[in-house]
C-alpha atoms as a PDB file:
ATOM      1  CA  UNK A   1      68.814  94.650 112.754  1.00  0.00           C
ATOM      2  CA  UNK A   2      66.723  93.228 115.727  1.00  0.00           C
ATOM      3  CA  UNK A   3      67.204  89.272 116.706  1.00  0.00           C
ATOM      4  CA  UNK A   4      63.654  89.390 115.547  1.00  0.00           C
ATOM      5  CA  UNK A   5      64.295  90.807 112.363  1.00  0.00           C
ATOM      6  CA  UNK A   6      66.924  88.313 111.594  1.00  0.00           C
ATOM      7  CA  UNK A   7      64.869  85.113 112.283  1.00  0.00           C
ATOM      8  CA  UNK A   8      61.723  86.590 110.610  1.00  0.00           C
ATOM      9  CA  UNK A   9      64.512  86.277 107.296  1.00  0.00           C
ATOM     10  CA  UNK A  10      66.871  83.308 108.532  1.00  0.00           C
ATOM     11  CA  UNK A  11      65.096  80.267 111.049  1.00  0.00           C
ATOM     12  CA  UNK A  12      68.520  80.128 112.444  1.00  0.00           C
ATOM     13  CA  UNK A  13      72.404  81.182 112.916  1.00  0.00           C
ATOM     14  CA  UNK A  14      73.443  78.327 110.423  1.00  0.00           C
ATOM     15  CA  UNK A  15      70.868  79.472 108.088  1.00  0.00           C
ATOM     16  CA  UNK A  16      72.562  83.096 108.052  1.00  0.00           C
ATOM     17  CA  UNK A  17      75.366  82.136 107.581  1.00  0.00           C
ATOM     18  CA  UNK A  18      75.084  79.837 104.805  1.00  0.00           C
ATOM     19  CA  UNK A  19      73.378  83.077 103.405  1.00  0.00           C
ATOM     20  CA  UNK A  20      76.636  84.799 103.929  1.00  0.00           C
ATOM     21  CA  UNK A  21      78.746  81.855 102.174  1.00  0.00           C
ATOM     22  CA  UNK A  22      76.394  81.399  99.141  1.00  0.00           C
ATOM     23  CA  UNK A  23      76.252  85.314  98.314  1.00  0.00           C
ATOM     24  CA  UNK A  24      80.187  85.369  99.078  1.00  0.00           C
ATOM     25  CA  UNK A  25      79.911  82.771  96.809  1.00  0.00           C
ATOM     26  CA  UNK A  26      77.930  83.838  93.838  1.00  0.00           C
ATOM     27  CA  UNK A  27      80.170  87.198  94.027  1.00  0.00           C
ATOM     28  CA  UNK A  28      83.281  85.435  93.547  1.00  0.00           C
ATOM     29  CA  UNK A  29      82.106  83.153  90.934  1.00  0.00           C
ATOM     30  CA  UNK A  30      80.864  86.298  88.884  1.00  0.00           C
ATOM     31  CA  UNK A  31      84.302  88.137  89.636  1.00  0.00           C
ATOM     32  CA  UNK A  32      86.350  85.030  88.674  1.00  0.00           C
ATOM     33  CA  UNK A  33      84.966  82.484  87.157  1.00  0.00           C
ATOM     34  CA  UNK A  34      82.023  83.976  84.605  1.00  0.00           C
ATOM     35  CA  UNK A  35      84.213  83.337  81.473  1.00  0.00           C
ATOM     36  CA  UNK A  36      85.169  79.513  80.231  1.00  0.00           C
ATOM     37  CA  UNK A  37      89.136  79.726  80.789  1.00  0.00           C
ATOM     38  CA  UNK A  38      91.101  79.340  78.062  1.00  0.00           C
ATOM     39  CA  UNK A  39      93.179  76.569  78.984  1.00  0.00           C
ATOM     40  CA  UNK A  40      93.629  74.518  82.471  1.00  0.00           C
ATOM     41  CA  UNK A  41      96.826  76.590  82.977  1.00  0.00           C
ATOM     42  CA  UNK A  42      94.471  79.813  83.387  1.00  0.00           C
ATOM     43  CA  UNK A  43      91.950  77.933  85.531  1.00  0.00           C
ATOM     44  CA  UNK A  44      94.504  76.968  87.454  1.00  0.00           C
ATOM     45  CA  UNK A  45      95.878  80.662  88.054  1.00  0.00           C
ATOM     46  CA  UNK A  46      92.292  81.987  88.809  1.00  0.00           C
ATOM     47  CA  UNK A  47      91.868  79.262  91.256  1.00  0.00           C
ATOM     48  CA  UNK A  48      95.339  81.072  92.581  1.00  0.00           C
ATOM     49  CA  UNK A  49      93.674  84.378  92.770  1.00  0.00           C
ATOM     50  CA  UNK A  50      90.597  82.959  94.851  1.00  0.00           C
ATOM     51  CA  UNK A  51      93.236  81.566  97.355  1.00  0.00           C
ATOM     52  CA  UNK A  52      95.088  85.033  97.830  1.00  0.00           C
ATOM     53  CA  UNK A  53      91.590  86.900  98.019  1.00  0.00           C
ATOM     54  CA  UNK A  54      90.489  84.288 100.761  1.00  0.00           C
ATOM     55  CA  UNK A  55      93.537  84.922 102.550  1.00  0.00           C
ATOM     56  CA  UNK A  56      92.250  88.942 102.700  1.00  0.00           C
ATOM     57  CA  UNK A  57      89.054  87.538 104.352  1.00  0.00           C
ATOM     58  CA  UNK A  58      89.760  85.419 107.104  1.00  0.00           C
ATOM     59  CA  UNK A  59      86.360  86.036 109.147  1.00  0.00           C
ATOM     60  CA  UNK A  60      84.965  84.255 105.908  1.00  0.00           C
ATOM     61  CA  UNK A  61      87.659  81.221 105.833  1.00  0.00           C
ATOM     62  CA  UNK A  62      86.715  80.840 109.647  1.00  0.00           C
ATOM     63  CA  UNK A  63      82.937  80.486 109.276  1.00  0.00           C
ATOM     64  CA  UNK A  64      83.344  78.316 105.937  1.00  0.00           C
ATOM     65  CA  UNK A  65      85.561  75.847 107.598  1.00  0.00           C
ATOM     66  CA  UNK A  66      83.549  76.041 111.092  1.00  0.00           C
ATOM     67  CA  UNK A  67      80.086  74.911 108.955  1.00  0.00           C
ATOM     68  CA  UNK A  68      81.487  72.431 106.388  1.00  0.00           C
ATOM     69  CA  UNK A  69      83.109  70.652 109.330  1.00  0.00           C
ATOM     70  CA  UNK A  70      79.593  71.062 110.764  1.00  0.00           C
ATOM     71  CA  UNK A  71      78.199  69.906 107.791  1.00  0.00           C
ATOM     72  CA  UNK A  72      79.376  66.466 107.924  1.00  0.00           C
ATOM     73  CA  UNK A  73      76.523  65.319 110.269  1.00  0.00           C
ATOM     74  CA  UNK A  74      73.726  64.219 108.223  1.00  0.00           C
ATOM     75  CA  UNK A  75      71.006  66.321 110.315  1.00  0.00           C
ATOM     76  CA  UNK A  76      73.035  69.818 109.896  1.00  0.00           C
ATOM     77  CA  UNK A  77      71.220  72.649 108.195  1.00  0.00           C
ATOM     78  CA  UNK A  78      74.103  73.177 106.262  1.00  0.00           C
ATOM     79  CA  UNK A  79      74.611  69.420 105.033  1.00  0.00           C
ATOM     80  CA  UNK A  80      73.171  69.660 101.872  1.00  0.00           C
ATOM     81  CA  UNK A  81      74.297  73.237 100.774  1.00  0.00           C
ATOM     82  CA  UNK A  82      77.680  71.788 101.101  1.00  0.00           C
ATOM     83  CA  UNK A  83      76.746  67.836  99.713  1.00  0.00           C
ATOM     84  CA  UNK A  84      75.709  70.586  96.307  1.00  0.00           C
ATOM     85  CA  UNK A  85      78.318  72.693  96.863  1.00  0.00           C
ATOM     86  CA  UNK A  86      81.070  69.950  96.803  1.00  0.00           C
ATOM     87  CA  UNK A  87      79.420  68.410  93.747  1.00  0.00           C
ATOM     88  CA  UNK A  88      78.790  71.460  91.491  1.00  0.00           C
ATOM     89  CA  UNK A  89      82.501  72.446  92.447  1.00  0.00           C
ATOM     90  CA  UNK A  90      83.491  68.707  91.550  1.00  0.00           C
ATOM     91  CA  UNK A  91      81.551  68.798  88.123  1.00  0.00           C
ATOM     92  CA  UNK A  92      83.121  71.431  86.952  1.00  0.00           C
ATOM     93  CA  UNK A  93      86.771  70.638  87.715  1.00  0.00           C
ATOM     94  CA  UNK A  94      86.411  67.576  86.090  1.00  0.00           C
ATOM     95  CA  UNK A  95      84.317  68.974  82.820  1.00  0.00           C
ATOM     96  CA  UNK A  96      87.137  71.743  82.836  1.00  0.00           C
ATOM     97  CA  UNK A  97      89.983  68.627  82.890  1.00  0.00           C
ATOM     98  CA  UNK A  98      88.017  66.538  80.269  1.00  0.00           C
ATOM     99  CA  UNK A  99      88.067  69.612  78.285  1.00  0.00           C
ATOM    100  CA  UNK A 100      92.264  70.032  78.326  1.00  0.00           C
ATOM    101  CA  UNK A 101      92.510  66.192  77.491  1.00  0.00           C
ATOM    102  CA  UNK A 102      90.103  66.660  74.488  1.00  0.00           C
ATOM    103  CA  UNK A 103      92.148  69.239  73.339  1.00  0.00           C
ATOM    104  CA  UNK A 104      95.333  67.508  73.960  1.00  0.00           C
ATOM    105  CA  UNK A 105      96.886  70.565  76.272  1.00  0.00           C
ATOM    106  CA  UNK A 106      96.590  67.175  79.268  1.00  0.00           C
ATOM    107  CA  UNK A 107      97.743  63.928  78.609  1.00  0.00           C
ATOM    108  CA  UNK A 108      95.094  61.094  77.681  1.00  0.00           C
ATOM    109  CA  UNK A 109      95.169  58.980  80.916  1.00  0.00           C
ATOM    110  CA  UNK A 110      94.790  62.037  83.039  1.00  0.00           C
ATOM    111  CA  UNK A 111      92.535  60.899  85.439  1.00  0.00           C
ATOM    112  CA  UNK A 112      90.039  63.848  85.581  1.00  0.00           C
ATOM    113  CA  UNK A 113      87.908  62.989  88.564  1.00  0.00           C
ATOM    114  CA  UNK A 114      90.801  62.224  90.928  1.00  0.00           C
ATOM    115  CA  UNK A 115      92.611  65.000  90.326  1.00  0.00           C
ATOM    116  CA  UNK A 116      89.860  67.429  90.739  1.00  0.00           C
ATOM    117  CA  UNK A 117      89.230  65.537  94.386  1.00  0.00           C
ATOM    118  CA  UNK A 118      92.661  66.438  95.178  1.00  0.00           C
ATOM    119  CA  UNK A 119      92.697  69.847  94.253  1.00  0.00           C
ATOM    120  CA  UNK A 120      89.557  70.272  96.395  1.00  0.00           C
ATOM    121  CA  UNK A 121      90.873  68.766  99.355  1.00  0.00           C
ATOM    122  CA  UNK A 122      94.659  70.350  99.028  1.00  0.00           C
ATOM    123  CA  UNK A 123      92.273  73.879  98.841  1.00  0.00           C
ATOM    124  CA  UNK A 124      90.185  73.327 102.066  1.00  0.00           C
ATOM    125  CA  UNK A 125      93.215  71.655 103.498  1.00  0.00           C
ATOM    126  CA  UNK A 126      95.808  74.731 103.165  1.00  0.00           C
ATOM    127  CA  UNK A 127      92.584  76.793 103.962  1.00  0.00           C
ATOM    128  CA  UNK A 128      92.452  75.001 107.322  1.00  0.00           C
ATOM    129  CA  UNK A 129      96.044  75.064 108.154  1.00  0.00           C
ATOM    130  CA  UNK A 130      95.818  78.924 107.328  1.00  0.00           C
ATOM    131  CA  UNK A 131      93.135  79.508 109.865  1.00  0.00           C
ATOM    132  CA  UNK A 132      94.958  77.947 112.456  1.00  0.00           C
ATOM    133  CA  UNK A 133      98.652  79.416 112.271  1.00  0.00           C
ATOM    134  CA  UNK A 134      97.908  81.894 109.208  1.00  0.00           C
ATOM    135  CA  UNK A 135     101.612  83.556 109.799  1.00  0.00           C
ATOM    136  CA  UNK A 136     103.074  80.243 109.535  1.00  0.00           C
ATOM    137  CA  UNK A 137     100.982  79.481 106.268  1.00  0.00           C
ATOM    138  CA  UNK A 138     101.345  81.124 102.378  1.00  0.00           C
ATOM    139  CA  UNK A 139      97.922  79.965 101.421  1.00  0.00           C
ATOM    140  CA  UNK A 140      98.492  81.225  98.094  1.00  0.00           C
ATOM    141  CA  UNK A 141     102.252  80.368  97.293  1.00  0.00           C
ATOM    142  CA  UNK A 142     101.178  76.515  98.815  1.00  0.00           C
ATOM    143  CA  UNK A 143      98.335  76.416  96.366  1.00  0.00           C
ATOM    144  CA  UNK A 144     100.142  77.750  93.267  1.00  0.00           C
ATOM    145  CA  UNK A 145     102.885  74.855  93.832  1.00  0.00           C
ATOM    146  CA  UNK A 146     101.182  72.554  94.394  1.00  0.00           C
ATOM    147  CA  UNK A 147      99.096  73.351  91.357  1.00  0.00           C
ATOM    148  CA  UNK A 148     102.253  73.804  89.192  1.00  0.00           C
ATOM    149  CA  UNK A 149     103.481  70.547  89.875  1.00  0.00           C
ATOM    150  CA  UNK A 150      99.962  68.922  89.315  1.00  0.00           C
ATOM    151  CA  UNK A 151     100.330  70.912  86.169  1.00  0.00           C
ATOM    152  CA  UNK A 152     103.629  69.918  84.963  1.00  0.00           C
ATOM    153  CA  UNK A 153     102.820  66.315  85.591  1.00  0.00           C
ATOM    154  CA  UNK A 154      99.223  66.160  83.221  1.00  0.00           C
ATOM    155  CA  UNK A 155     100.358  68.662  80.519  1.00  0.00           C
ATOM    156  CA  UNK A 156     101.269  67.102  77.434  1.00  0.00           C
ATOM    157  CA  UNK A 157     104.083  70.072  77.167  1.00  0.00           C
ATOM    158  CA  UNK A 158     105.167  69.507  80.428  1.00  0.00           C
ATOM    159  CA  UNK A 159     104.532  72.795  80.905  1.00  0.00           C
ATOM    160  CA  UNK A 160     103.600  74.238  84.987  1.00  0.00           C
ATOM    161  CA  UNK A 161     102.062  77.694  86.045  1.00  0.00           C
ATOM    162  CA  UNK A 162     103.308  81.420  85.207  1.00  0.00           C
ATOM    163  CA  UNK A 163     105.105  82.073  88.134  1.00  0.00           C
ATOM    164  CA  UNK A 164     103.246  83.166  91.431  1.00  0.00           C
ATOM    165  CA  UNK A 165     102.351  86.795  92.431  1.00  0.00           C
ATOM    166  CA  UNK A 166     103.916  88.114  94.980  1.00  0.00           C
ATOM    167  CA  UNK A 167     102.806  86.302  98.120  1.00  0.00           C
ATOM    168  CA  UNK A 168     100.244  88.382 100.333  1.00  0.00           C
END
């Protein structure tokens, strides 16, 4: 496709990259999150699977990191996309944790919003560290460890995640 053809469909390079990210996210949602998780532990295990998938797509992860960083500027074309994405993911995770509290799976004093925000921060932080030094950071294993510790601290049974899958 020519540059003119691309510009016919996308106003800028950022618009093209956002379209790629949106399509990738939609694919991940349909593949991994289309059915409601039966428990917080099951959801966290799926999130670890997503991290393992991301470790196999370095170009997409680097593109995400670049755009999310640049989108902190309110005038950036990706600003609204990432504001909406983070709000959507945060709301989903908070609702899932609140459901875990309501089912008695999680302790009643669980601060669902704080935990959801921390989980997003850990995931993004691990992605940045992995993008900078892929051989030094095992993203899925580190995320599994964090989520396992988190779940052990908030679950009423004191249990964590099943054993981590073999690293990528």
